[in-house]
Amino acid sequence: MPSDDAVADVADVFALLGDPGRLRILTALLEGPLRVRDLAEAAGVSESGASHALRLLRAHRVVSVQRVGRESHYEIDDTHVRALLQLALDHVGHSVLVHVADEAPAEGGCQG
């Protein structure tokens, strides 16, 4: 069984990833490195909001930044977080398919 500290650390990770704005930024970064303005547009937040989220994600070493000329390009820098995001997205996609299949009328059944 994990220690209390380990459980608290896991809770912190899920809290960090549990914010919809940060999740939109991270899912955009699954495609590859992006600039703040591109992340803001993809996530539907202001550049200031995206910058704030990125500062927090950098502080937790989830994303890193690379300077390209005058621009900063952000990317996911934690393979575990990348895997968690992909697993969560796959889970949601699977759940949607299961629910749609459960709600479909039975073949040959009464349709209303």
PDB file of N, CA and C in Angstrom:
ATOM      1  N   MET A   1       0.851  -1.179   0.000  1.00  0.00           N
ATOM      2  CA  MET A   1       0.000   0.000   0.000  1.00  0.00           C
ATOM      3  C   MET A   1       0.900   1.247   0.000  1.00  0.00           C
ATOM      4  N   PRO A   2       0.563   2.245  -0.831  1.00  0.00           N
ATOM      5  CA  PRO A   2       1.390   3.455  -0.892  1.00  0.00           C
ATOM      6  C   PRO A   2       1.333   4.231   0.427  1.00  0.00           C
ATOM      7  N   SER A   3       2.389   4.977   0.680  1.00  0.00           N
ATOM      8  CA  SER A   3       2.445   5.808   1.883  1.00  0.00           C
ATOM      9  C   SER A   3       1.460   6.967   1.769  1.00  0.00           C
ATOM     10  N   ASP A   4       1.180   7.591   2.904  1.00  0.00           N
ATOM     11  CA  ASP A   4       0.297   8.761   2.908  1.00  0.00           C
ATOM     12  C   ASP A   4       0.867   9.876   2.038  1.00  0.00           C
ATOM     13  N   ASP A   5       2.190  10.045   2.067  1.00  0.00           N
ATOM     14  CA  ASP A   5       2.825  11.076   1.237  1.00  0.00           C
ATOM     15  C   ASP A   5       2.648  10.781  -0.248  1.00  0.00           C
ATOM     16  N   ALA A   6       2.783   9.509  -0.616  1.00  0.00           N
ATOM     17  CA  ALA A   6       2.607   9.135  -2.024  1.00  0.00           C
ATOM     18  C   ALA A   6       1.174   9.387  -2.472  1.00  0.00           C
ATOM     19  N   VAL A   7       0.217   9.051  -1.617  1.00  0.00           N
ATOM     20  CA  VAL A   7      -1.197   9.287  -1.949  1.00  0.00           C
ATOM     21  C   VAL A   7      -1.458  10.786  -2.095  1.00  0.00           C
ATOM     22  N   ALA A   8      -0.883  11.584  -1.208  1.00  0.00           N
ATOM     23  CA  ALA A   8      -1.051  13.042  -1.295  1.00  0.00           C
ATOM     24  C   ALA A   8      -0.434  13.578  -2.585  1.00  0.00           C
ATOM     25  N   ASP A   9       0.721  13.043  -2.973  1.00  0.00           N
ATOM     26  CA  ASP A   9       1.364  13.478  -4.218  1.00  0.00           C
ATOM     27  C   ASP A   9       0.514  13.118  -5.438  1.00  0.00           C
ATOM     28  N   VAL A  10      -0.079  11.936  -5.427  1.00  0.00           N
ATOM     29  CA  VAL A  10      -0.958  11.527  -6.534  1.00  0.00           C
ATOM     30  C   VAL A  10      -2.172  12.449  -6.593  1.00  0.00           C
ATOM     31  N   ALA A  11      -2.730  12.783  -5.436  1.00  0.00           N
ATOM     32  CA  ALA A  11      -3.875  13.700  -5.396  1.00  0.00           C
ATOM     33  C   ALA A  11      -3.490  15.058  -5.979  1.00  0.00           C
ATOM     34  N   ASP A  12      -2.279  15.517  -5.691  1.00  0.00           N
ATOM     35  CA  ASP A  12      -1.805  16.790  -6.249  1.00  0.00           C
ATOM     36  C   ASP A  12      -1.718  16.729  -7.772  1.00  0.00           C
ATOM     37  N   VAL A  13      -1.235  15.610  -8.298  1.00  0.00           N
ATOM     38  CA  VAL A  13      -1.143  15.450  -9.755  1.00  0.00           C
ATOM     39  C   VAL A  13      -2.529  15.507 -10.377  1.00  0.00           C
ATOM     40  N   PHE A  14      -3.481  14.776  -9.794  1.00  0.00           N
ATOM     41  CA  PHE A  14      -4.831  14.778 -10.357  1.00  0.00           C
ATOM     42  C   PHE A  14      -5.497  16.147 -10.213  1.00  0.00           C
ATOM     43  N   ALA A  15      -5.208  16.865  -9.134  1.00  0.00           N
ATOM     44  CA  ALA A  15      -5.745  18.222  -8.985  1.00  0.00           C
ATOM     45  C   ALA A  15      -5.169  19.134 -10.069  1.00  0.00           C
ATOM     46  N   LEU A  16      -3.881  18.995 -10.333  1.00  0.00           N
ATOM     47  CA  LEU A  16      -3.232  19.793 -11.373  1.00  0.00           C
ATOM     48  C   LEU A  16      -3.857  19.512 -12.737  1.00  0.00           C
ATOM     49  N   LEU A  17      -4.130  18.243 -13.003  1.00  0.00           N
ATOM     50  CA  LEU A  17      -4.693  17.847 -14.295  1.00  0.00           C
ATOM     51  C   LEU A  17      -6.207  18.002 -14.345  1.00  0.00           C
ATOM     52  N   GLY A  18      -6.839  18.261 -13.208  1.00  0.00           N
ATOM     53  CA  GLY A  18      -8.293  18.308 -13.144  1.00  0.00           C
ATOM     54  C   GLY A  18      -8.921  19.615 -13.593  1.00  0.00           C
ATOM     55  N   ASP A  19      -8.117  20.614 -13.868  1.00  0.00           N
ATOM     56  CA  ASP A  19      -8.645  21.903 -14.313  1.00  0.00           C
ATOM     57  C   ASP A  19      -8.929  21.853 -15.813  1.00  0.00           C
ATOM     58  N   PRO A  20     -10.160  22.162 -16.237  1.00  0.00           N
ATOM     59  CA  PRO A  20     -10.495  22.066 -17.664  1.00  0.00           C
ATOM     60  C   PRO A  20      -9.604  22.921 -18.574  1.00  0.00           C
ATOM     61  N   GLY A  21      -9.244  24.114 -18.141  1.00  0.00           N
ATOM     62  CA  GLY A  21      -8.376  24.960 -18.965  1.00  0.00           C
ATOM     63  C   GLY A  21      -7.002  24.348 -19.156  1.00  0.00           C
ATOM     64  N   ARG A  22      -6.418  23.855 -18.067  1.00  0.00           N
ATOM     65  CA  ARG A  22      -5.107  23.203 -18.182  1.00  0.00           C
ATOM     66  C   ARG A  22      -5.208  21.939 -19.021  1.00  0.00           C
ATOM     67  N   LEU A  23      -6.310  21.211 -18.878  1.00  0.00           N
ATOM     68  CA  LEU A  23      -6.498  20.001 -19.686  1.00  0.00           C
ATOM     69  C   LEU A  23      -6.576  20.325 -21.174  1.00  0.00           C
ATOM     70  N   ARG A  24      -7.275  21.408 -21.522  1.00  0.00           N
ATOM     71  CA  ARG A  24      -7.350  21.795 -22.936  1.00  0.00           C
ATOM     72  C   ARG A  24      -5.963  22.154 -23.465  1.00  0.00           C
ATOM     73  N   ILE A  25      -5.176  22.839 -22.649  1.00  0.00           N
ATOM     74  CA  ILE A  25      -3.812  23.190 -23.051  1.00  0.00           C
ATOM     75  C   ILE A  25      -2.983  21.925 -23.242  1.00  0.00           C
ATOM     76  N   LEU A  26      -3.066  21.020 -22.279  1.00  0.00           N
ATOM     77  CA  LEU A  26      -2.275  19.789 -22.367  1.00  0.00           C
ATOM     78  C   LEU A  26      -2.705  18.912 -23.538  1.00  0.00           C
ATOM     79  N   THR A  27      -4.004  18.833 -23.790  1.00  0.00           N
ATOM     80  CA  THR A  27      -4.436  18.008 -24.924  1.00  0.00           C
ATOM     81  C   THR A  27      -3.988  18.631 -26.242  1.00  0.00           C
ATOM     82  N   ALA A  28      -3.940  19.955 -26.311  1.00  0.00           N
ATOM     83  CA  ALA A  28      -3.402  20.604 -27.514  1.00  0.00           C
ATOM     84  C   ALA A  28      -1.921  20.263 -27.669  1.00  0.00           C
ATOM     85  N   LEU A  29      -1.206  20.174 -26.555  1.00  0.00           N
ATOM     86  CA  LEU A  29       0.222  19.870 -26.604  1.00  0.00           C
ATOM     87  C   LEU A  29       0.506  18.410 -26.937  1.00  0.00           C
ATOM     88  N   LEU A  30      -0.501  17.557 -26.871  1.00  0.00           N
ATOM     89  CA  LEU A  30      -0.300  16.167 -27.292  1.00  0.00           C
ATOM     90  C   LEU A  30       0.105  16.100 -28.760  1.00  0.00           C
ATOM     91  N   GLU A  31      -0.299  17.109 -29.538  1.00  0.00           N
ATOM     92  CA  GLU A  31       0.020  17.147 -30.967  1.00  0.00           C
ATOM     93  C   GLU A  31       1.445  17.607 -31.235  1.00  0.00           C
ATOM     94  N   GLY A  32       2.066  18.258 -30.248  1.00  0.00           N
ATOM     95  CA  GLY A  32       3.427  18.752 -30.421  1.00  0.00           C
ATOM     96  C   GLY A  32       3.581  20.141 -29.833  1.00  0.00           C
ATOM     97  N   PRO A  33       4.792  20.697 -29.892  1.00  0.00           N
ATOM     98  CA  PRO A  33       5.074  22.005 -29.294  1.00  0.00           C
ATOM     99  C   PRO A  33       4.229  23.118 -29.921  1.00  0.00           C
ATOM    100  N   LEU A  34       3.803  24.050 -29.059  1.00  0.00           N
ATOM    101  CA  LEU A  34       3.008  25.193 -29.516  1.00  0.00           C
ATOM    102  C   LEU A  34       3.419  26.455 -28.764  1.00  0.00           C
ATOM    103  N   ARG A  35       3.142  27.604 -29.398  1.00  0.00           N
ATOM    104  CA  ARG A  35       3.368  28.905 -28.771  1.00  0.00           C
ATOM    105  C   ARG A  35       2.198  29.239 -27.857  1.00  0.00           C
ATOM    106  N   VAL A  36       2.403  30.186 -26.950  1.00  0.00           N
ATOM    107  CA  VAL A  36       1.353  30.590 -26.011  1.00  0.00           C
ATOM    108  C   VAL A  36       0.107  31.028 -26.762  1.00  0.00           C
ATOM    109  N   ARG A  37       0.268  31.844 -27.791  1.00  0.00           N
ATOM    110  CA  ARG A  37      -0.920  32.348 -28.498  1.00  0.00           C
ATOM    111  C   ARG A  37      -1.698  31.205 -29.160  1.00  0.00           C
ATOM    112  N   ASP A  38      -0.986  30.205 -29.673  1.00  0.00           N
ATOM    113  CA  ASP A  38      -1.654  29.052 -30.283  1.00  0.00           C
ATOM    114  C   ASP A  38      -2.359  28.209 -29.225  1.00  0.00           C
ATOM    115  N   LEU A  39      -1.717  28.064 -28.071  1.00  0.00           N
ATOM    116  CA  LEU A  39      -2.338  27.318 -26.969  1.00  0.00           C
ATOM    117  C   LEU A  39      -3.573  28.042 -26.454  1.00  0.00           C
ATOM    118  N   ALA A  40      -3.486  29.360 -26.334  1.00  0.00           N
ATOM    119  CA  ALA A  40      -4.629  30.141 -25.867  1.00  0.00           C
ATOM    120  C   ALA A  40      -5.810  29.963 -26.815  1.00  0.00           C
ATOM    121  N   GLU A  41      -5.536  30.044 -28.099  1.00  0.00           N
ATOM    122  CA  GLU A  41      -6.597  29.874 -29.098  1.00  0.00           C
ATOM    123  C   GLU A  41      -7.183  28.466 -29.041  1.00  0.00           C
ATOM    124  N   ALA A  42      -6.323  27.464 -28.974  1.00  0.00           N
ATOM    125  CA  ALA A  42      -6.789  26.073 -28.948  1.00  0.00           C
ATOM    126  C   ALA A  42      -7.600  25.776 -27.691  1.00  0.00           C
ATOM    127  N   ALA A  43      -7.210  26.390 -26.571  1.00  0.00           N
ATOM    128  CA  ALA A  43      -7.881  26.122 -25.297  1.00  0.00           C
ATOM    129  C   ALA A  43      -9.061  27.049 -25.052  1.00  0.00           C
ATOM    130  N   GLY A  44      -9.201  28.082 -25.878  1.00  0.00           N
ATOM    131  CA  GLY A  44     -10.304  29.022 -25.689  1.00  0.00           C
ATOM    132  C   GLY A  44     -10.127  29.894 -24.454  1.00  0.00           C
ATOM    133  N   VAL A  45      -8.865  30.245 -24.164  1.00  0.00           N
ATOM    134  CA  VAL A  45      -8.572  31.112 -23.020  1.00  0.00           C
ATOM    135  C   VAL A  45      -7.739  32.290 -23.510  1.00  0.00           C
ATOM    136  N   SER A  46      -7.598  33.295 -22.655  1.00  0.00           N
ATOM    137  CA  SER A  46      -6.757  34.433 -23.014  1.00  0.00           C
ATOM    138  C   SER A  46      -5.289  34.013 -22.977  1.00  0.00           C
ATOM    139  N   GLU A  47      -4.441  34.807 -23.628  1.00  0.00           N
ATOM    140  CA  GLU A  47      -3.005  34.518 -23.568  1.00  0.00           C
ATOM    141  C   GLU A  47      -2.510  34.604 -22.133  1.00  0.00           C
ATOM    142  N   SER A  48      -3.067  35.549 -21.373  1.00  0.00           N
ATOM    143  CA  SER A  48      -2.699  35.675 -19.964  1.00  0.00           C
ATOM    144  C   SER A  48      -3.089  34.418 -19.189  1.00  0.00           C
ATOM    145  N   GLY A  49      -4.282  33.904 -19.456  1.00  0.00           N
ATOM    146  CA  GLY A  49      -4.738  32.677 -18.797  1.00  0.00           C
ATOM    147  C   GLY A  49      -3.886  31.484 -19.178  1.00  0.00           C
ATOM    148  N   ALA A  50      -3.520  31.411 -20.457  1.00  0.00           N
ATOM    149  CA  ALA A  50      -2.659  30.315 -20.913  1.00  0.00           C
ATOM    150  C   ALA A  50      -1.282  30.424 -20.265  1.00  0.00           C
ATOM    151  N   SER A  51      -0.744  31.632 -20.188  1.00  0.00           N
ATOM    152  CA  SER A  51       0.567  31.834 -19.568  1.00  0.00           C
ATOM    153  C   SER A  51       0.553  31.431 -18.102  1.00  0.00           C
ATOM    154  N   HIS A  52      -0.514  31.785 -17.405  1.00  0.00           N
ATOM    155  CA  HIS A  52      -0.635  31.412 -15.989  1.00  0.00           C
ATOM    156  C   HIS A  52      -0.657  29.892 -15.840  1.00  0.00           C
ATOM    157  N   ALA A  53      -1.450  29.226 -16.663  1.00  0.00           N
ATOM    158  CA  ALA A  53      -1.534  27.761 -16.601  1.00  0.00           C
ATOM    159  C   ALA A  53      -0.180  27.137 -16.928  1.00  0.00           C
ATOM    160  N   LEU A  54       0.500  27.678 -17.920  1.00  0.00           N
ATOM    161  CA  LEU A  54       1.805  27.142 -18.312  1.00  0.00           C
ATOM    162  C   LEU A  54       2.851  27.334 -17.216  1.00  0.00           C
ATOM    163  N   ARG A  55       2.795  28.467 -16.503  1.00  0.00           N
ATOM    164  CA  ARG A  55       3.718  28.673 -15.379  1.00  0.00           C
ATOM    165  C   ARG A  55       3.521  27.591 -14.320  1.00  0.00           C
ATOM    166  N   LEU A  56       2.263  27.300 -14.021  1.00  0.00           N
ATOM    167  CA  LEU A  56       1.949  26.270 -13.034  1.00  0.00           C
ATOM    168  C   LEU A  56       2.413  24.894 -13.518  1.00  0.00           C
ATOM    169  N   LEU A  57       2.151  24.585 -14.770  1.00  0.00           N
ATOM    170  CA  LEU A  57       2.559  23.295 -15.335  1.00  0.00           C
ATOM    171  C   LEU A  57       4.083  23.170 -15.397  1.00  0.00           C
ATOM    172  N   ARG A  58       4.765  24.276 -15.671  1.00  0.00           N
ATOM    173  CA  ARG A  58       6.241  24.257 -15.661  1.00  0.00           C
ATOM    174  C   ARG A  58       6.768  24.056 -14.249  1.00  0.00           C
ATOM    175  N   ALA A  59       6.143  24.706 -13.273  1.00  0.00           N
ATOM    176  CA  ALA A  59       6.585  24.576 -11.883  1.00  0.00           C
ATOM    177  C   ALA A  59       6.500  23.130 -11.409  1.00  0.00           C
ATOM    178  N   HIS A  60       5.557  22.381 -11.963  1.00  0.00           N
ATOM    179  CA  HIS A  60       5.400  20.965 -11.612  1.00  0.00           C
ATOM    180  C   HIS A  60       6.121  20.048 -12.608  1.00  0.00           C
ATOM    181  N   ARG A  61       6.920  20.642 -13.489  1.00  0.00           N
ATOM    182  CA  ARG A  61       7.721  19.913 -14.481  1.00  0.00           C
ATOM    183  C   ARG A  61       6.881  19.036 -15.411  1.00  0.00           C
ATOM    184  N   VAL A  62       5.678  19.505 -15.708  1.00  0.00           N
ATOM    185  CA  VAL A  62       4.806  18.792 -16.645  1.00  0.00           C
ATOM    186  C   VAL A  62       5.102  19.243 -18.068  1.00  0.00           C
ATOM    187  N   VAL A  63       5.380  20.532 -18.242  1.00  0.00           N
ATOM    188  CA  VAL A  63       5.738  21.065 -19.557  1.00  0.00           C
ATOM    189  C   VAL A  63       7.108  21.725 -19.471  1.00  0.00           C
ATOM    190  N   SER A  64       7.729  21.843 -20.627  1.00  0.00           N
ATOM    191  CA  SER A  64       8.992  22.578 -20.727  1.00  0.00           C
ATOM    192  C   SER A  64       8.845  23.597 -21.843  1.00  0.00           C
ATOM    193  N   VAL A  65       9.772  24.527 -21.872  1.00  0.00           N
ATOM    194  CA  VAL A  65       9.730  25.581 -22.882  1.00  0.00           C
ATOM    195  C   VAL A  65      11.066  25.623 -23.610  1.00  0.00           C
ATOM    196  N   GLN A  66      10.992  25.824 -24.905  1.00  0.00           N
ATOM    197  CA  GLN A  66      12.184  25.971 -25.746  1.00  0.00           C
ATOM    198  C   GLN A  66      12.081  27.307 -26.469  1.00  0.00           C
ATOM    199  N   ARG A  67      13.149  28.067 -26.424  1.00  0.00           N
ATOM    200  CA  ARG A  67      13.186  29.324 -27.168  1.00  0.00           C
ATOM    201  C   ARG A  67      13.533  29.017 -28.620  1.00  0.00           C
ATOM    202  N   VAL A  68      12.719  29.557 -29.527  1.00  0.00           N
ATOM    203  CA  VAL A  68      12.968  29.439 -30.963  1.00  0.00           C
ATOM    204  C   VAL A  68      12.959  30.868 -31.492  1.00  0.00           C
ATOM    205  N   GLY A  69      14.150  31.426 -31.643  1.00  0.00           N
ATOM    206  CA  GLY A  69      14.232  32.836 -32.004  1.00  0.00           C
ATOM    207  C   GLY A  69      13.673  33.674 -30.872  1.00  0.00           C
ATOM    208  N   ARG A  70      12.671  34.471 -31.182  1.00  0.00           N
ATOM    209  CA  ARG A  70      12.032  35.317 -30.167  1.00  0.00           C
ATOM    210  C   ARG A  70      10.832  34.648 -29.513  1.00  0.00           C
ATOM    211  N   GLU A  71      10.489  33.478 -29.965  1.00  0.00           N
ATOM    212  CA  GLU A  71       9.273  32.826 -29.476  1.00  0.00           C
ATOM    213  C   GLU A  71       9.592  31.686 -28.526  1.00  0.00           C
ATOM    214  N   SER A  72       8.627  31.412 -27.653  1.00  0.00           N
ATOM    215  CA  SER A  72       8.725  30.287 -26.729  1.00  0.00           C
ATOM    216  C   SER A  72       7.750  29.215 -27.173  1.00  0.00           C
ATOM    217  N   HIS A  73       8.245  28.016 -27.315  1.00  0.00           N
ATOM    218  CA  HIS A  73       7.417  26.876 -27.694  1.00  0.00           C
ATOM    219  C   HIS A  73       7.340  25.925 -26.507  1.00  0.00           C
ATOM    220  N   TYR A  74       6.122  25.588 -26.113  1.00  0.00           N
ATOM    221  CA  TYR A  74       5.895  24.704 -24.972  1.00  0.00           C
ATOM    222  C   TYR A  74       5.591  23.300 -25.459  1.00  0.00           C
ATOM    223  N   GLU A  75       6.017  22.323 -24.643  1.00  0.00           N
ATOM    224  CA  GLU A  75       5.709  20.932 -24.959  1.00  0.00           C
ATOM    225  C   GLU A  75       5.574  20.142 -23.662  1.00  0.00           C
ATOM    226  N   ILE A  76       4.859  19.032 -23.739  1.00  0.00           N
ATOM    227  CA  ILE A  76       4.739  18.155 -22.583  1.00  0.00           C
ATOM    228  C   ILE A  76       6.105  17.535 -22.341  1.00  0.00           C
ATOM    229  N   ASP A  77       6.553  17.614 -21.096  1.00  0.00           N
ATOM    230  CA  ASP A  77       7.895  17.152 -20.756  1.00  0.00           C
ATOM    231  C   ASP A  77       7.861  15.980 -19.776  1.00  0.00           C
ATOM    232  N   ASP A  78       6.696  15.395 -19.585  1.00  0.00           N
ATOM    233  CA  ASP A  78       6.556  14.297 -18.633  1.00  0.00           C
ATOM    234  C   ASP A  78       5.828  13.151 -19.329  1.00  0.00           C
ATOM    235  N   THR A  79       6.546  12.086 -19.594  1.00  0.00           N
ATOM    236  CA  THR A  79       5.947  10.964 -20.325  1.00  0.00           C
ATOM    237  C   THR A  79       4.812  10.314 -19.543  1.00  0.00           C
ATOM    238  N   HIS A  80       4.880  10.372 -18.217  1.00  0.00           N
ATOM    239  CA  HIS A  80       3.798   9.798 -17.406  1.00  0.00           C
ATOM    240  C   HIS A  80       2.510  10.603 -17.578  1.00  0.00           C
ATOM    241  N   VAL A  81       2.637  11.919 -17.578  1.00  0.00           N
ATOM    242  CA  VAL A  81       1.457  12.770 -17.769  1.00  0.00           C
ATOM    243  C   VAL A  81       0.904  12.571 -19.172  1.00  0.00           C
ATOM    244  N   ARG A  82       1.783  12.477 -20.155  1.00  0.00           N
ATOM    245  CA  ARG A  82       1.330  12.223 -21.532  1.00  0.00           C
ATOM    246  C   ARG A  82       0.530  10.921 -21.578  1.00  0.00           C
ATOM    247  N   ALA A  83       1.033   9.879 -20.931  1.00  0.00           N
ATOM    248  CA  ALA A  83       0.343   8.586 -20.915  1.00  0.00           C
ATOM    249  C   ALA A  83      -0.988   8.681 -20.172  1.00  0.00           C
ATOM    250  N   LEU A  84      -1.014   9.385 -19.036  1.00  0.00           N
ATOM    251  CA  LEU A  84      -2.270   9.565 -18.292  1.00  0.00           C
ATOM    252  C   LEU A  84      -3.322  10.270 -19.141  1.00  0.00           C
ATOM    253  N   LEU A  85      -2.900  11.331 -19.829  1.00  0.00           N
ATOM    254  CA  LEU A  85      -3.833  12.067 -20.686  1.00  0.00           C
ATOM    255  C   LEU A  85      -4.384  11.177 -21.791  1.00  0.00           C
ATOM    256  N   GLN A  86      -3.492  10.435 -22.437  1.00  0.00           N
ATOM    257  CA  GLN A  86      -3.937   9.577 -23.534  1.00  0.00           C
ATOM    258  C   GLN A  86      -4.869   8.483 -23.021  1.00  0.00           C
ATOM    259  N   LEU A  87      -4.536   7.898 -21.870  1.00  0.00           N
ATOM    260  CA  LEU A  87      -5.409   6.878 -21.273  1.00  0.00           C
ATOM    261  C   LEU A  87      -6.776   7.459 -20.927  1.00  0.00           C
ATOM    262  N   ALA A  88      -6.788   8.664 -20.360  1.00  0.00           N
ATOM    263  CA  ALA A  88      -8.059   9.299 -20.000  1.00  0.00           C
ATOM    264  C   ALA A  88      -8.893   9.585 -21.247  1.00  0.00           C
ATOM    265  N   LEU A  89      -8.249  10.083 -22.299  1.00  0.00           N
ATOM    266  CA  LEU A  89      -8.975  10.353 -23.544  1.00  0.00           C
ATOM    267  C   LEU A  89      -9.500   9.062 -24.160  1.00  0.00           C
ATOM    268  N   ASP A  90      -8.688   8.008 -24.126  1.00  0.00           N
ATOM    269  CA  ASP A  90      -9.138   6.710 -24.637  1.00  0.00           C
ATOM    270  C   ASP A  90     -10.308   6.184 -23.814  1.00  0.00           C
ATOM    271  N   HIS A  91     -10.235   6.361 -22.500  1.00  0.00           N
ATOM    272  CA  HIS A  91     -11.306   5.906 -21.613  1.00  0.00           C
ATOM    273  C   HIS A  91     -12.617   6.629 -21.933  1.00  0.00           C
ATOM    274  N   VAL A  92     -12.531   7.943 -22.091  1.00  0.00           N
ATOM    275  CA  VAL A  92     -13.729   8.724 -22.405  1.00  0.00           C
ATOM    276  C   VAL A  92     -14.298   8.290 -23.749  1.00  0.00           C
ATOM    277  N   GLY A  93     -13.439   8.100 -24.732  1.00  0.00           N
ATOM    278  CA  GLY A  93     -13.904   7.637 -26.042  1.00  0.00           C
ATOM    279  C   GLY A  93     -14.567   6.288 -25.951  1.00  0.00           C
ATOM    280  N   HIS A  94     -13.993   5.383 -25.171  1.00  0.00           N
ATOM    281  CA  HIS A  94     -14.580   4.053 -24.982  1.00  0.00           C
ATOM    282  C   HIS A  94     -15.913   4.158 -24.247  1.00  0.00           C
ATOM    283  N   SER A  95     -15.963   4.987 -23.204  1.00  0.00           N
ATOM    284  CA  SER A  95     -17.196   5.144 -22.428  1.00  0.00           C
ATOM    285  C   SER A  95     -18.324   5.668 -23.294  1.00  0.00           C
ATOM    286  N   VAL A  96     -18.011   6.623 -24.164  1.00  0.00           N
ATOM    287  CA  VAL A  96     -19.031   7.176 -25.056  1.00  0.00           C
ATOM    288  C   VAL A  96     -19.554   6.082 -25.974  1.00  0.00           C
ATOM    289  N   LEU A  97     -18.663   5.277 -26.535  1.00  0.00           N
ATOM    290  CA  LEU A  97     -19.087   4.196 -27.432  1.00  0.00           C
ATOM    291  C   LEU A  97     -19.947   3.180 -26.697  1.00  0.00           C
ATOM    292  N   VAL A  98     -19.582   2.838 -25.470  1.00  0.00           N
ATOM    293  CA  VAL A  98     -20.357   1.872 -24.689  1.00  0.00           C
ATOM    294  C   VAL A  98     -21.734   2.433 -24.387  1.00  0.00           C
ATOM    295  N   HIS A  99     -21.824   3.702 -23.990  1.00  0.00           N
ATOM    296  CA  HIS A  99     -23.119   4.310 -23.673  1.00  0.00           C
ATOM    297  C   HIS A  99     -24.001   4.417 -24.911  1.00  0.00           C
ATOM    298  N   VAL A 100     -23.414   4.750 -26.045  1.00  0.00           N
ATOM    299  CA  VAL A 100     -24.189   4.830 -27.288  1.00  0.00           C
ATOM    300  C   VAL A 100     -24.720   3.447 -27.642  1.00  0.00           C
ATOM    301  N   ALA A 101     -23.883   2.426 -27.504  1.00  0.00           N
ATOM    302  CA  ALA A 101     -24.321   1.059 -27.808  1.00  0.00           C
ATOM    303  C   ALA A 101     -25.419   0.616 -26.847  1.00  0.00           C
ATOM    304  N   ASP A 102     -25.309   0.992 -25.579  1.00  0.00           N
ATOM    305  CA  ASP A 102     -26.324   0.627 -24.586  1.00  0.00           C
ATOM    306  C   ASP A 102     -27.663   1.301 -24.870  1.00  0.00           C
ATOM    307  N   GLU A 103     -27.627   2.509 -25.453  1.00  0.00           N
ATOM    308  CA  GLU A 103     -28.849   3.264 -25.701  1.00  0.00           C
ATOM    309  C   GLU A 103     -29.472   2.957 -27.053  1.00  0.00           C
ATOM    310  N   ALA A 104     -28.765   2.270 -27.928  1.00  0.00           N
ATOM    311  CA  ALA A 104     -29.298   1.949 -29.260  1.00  0.00           C
ATOM    312  C   ALA A 104     -30.449   0.963 -29.113  1.00  0.00           C
ATOM    313  N   PRO A 105     -31.512   1.157 -29.899  1.00  0.00           N
ATOM    314  CA  PRO A 105     -32.634   0.218 -29.823  1.00  0.00           C
ATOM    315  C   PRO A 105     -32.204  -1.168 -30.287  1.00  0.00           C
ATOM    316  N   ALA A 106     -32.765  -2.169 -29.650  1.00  0.00           N
ATOM    317  CA  ALA A 106     -32.450  -3.550 -30.025  1.00  0.00           C
ATOM    318  C   ALA A 106     -32.953  -3.801 -31.437  1.00  0.00           C
ATOM    319  N   GLU A 107     -32.201  -4.595 -32.195  1.00  0.00           N
ATOM    320  CA  GLU A 107     -32.574  -4.895 -33.572  1.00  0.00           C
ATOM    321  C   GLU A 107     -33.920  -5.612 -33.587  1.00  0.00           C
ATOM    322  N   GLY A 108     -34.829  -5.121 -34.389  1.00  0.00           N
ATOM    323  CA  GLY A 108     -36.152  -5.731 -34.499  1.00  0.00           C
ATOM    324  C   GLY A 108     -37.087  -5.336 -33.367  1.00  0.00           C
ATOM    325  N   GLY A 109     -36.599  -4.494 -32.447  1.00  0.00           N
ATOM    326  CA  GLY A 109     -37.422  -4.085 -31.306  1.00  0.00           C
ATOM    327  C   GLY A 109     -38.355  -2.956 -31.681  1.00  0.00           C
ATOM    328  N   CYS A 110     -39.218  -2.614 -30.791  1.00  0.00           N
ATOM    329  CA  CYS A 110     -40.170  -1.518 -30.988  1.00  0.00           C
ATOM    330  C   CYS A 110     -39.431  -0.193 -30.928  1.00  0.00           C
ATOM    331  N   GLN A 111     -39.671   0.662 -31.914  1.00  0.00           N
ATOM    332  CA  GLN A 111     -38.988   1.947 -31.966  1.00  0.00           C
ATOM    333  C   GLN A 111     -39.988   3.078 -31.859  1.00  0.00           C
ATOM    334  N   GLY A 112     -40.801   3.013 -30.886  1.00  0.00           N
ATOM    335  CA  GLY A 112     -41.573   4.099 -30.506  1.00  0.00           C
ATOM    336  C   GLY A 112     -42.813   4.489 -30.997  1.00  0.00           C
TER     337      GLY A 112
END
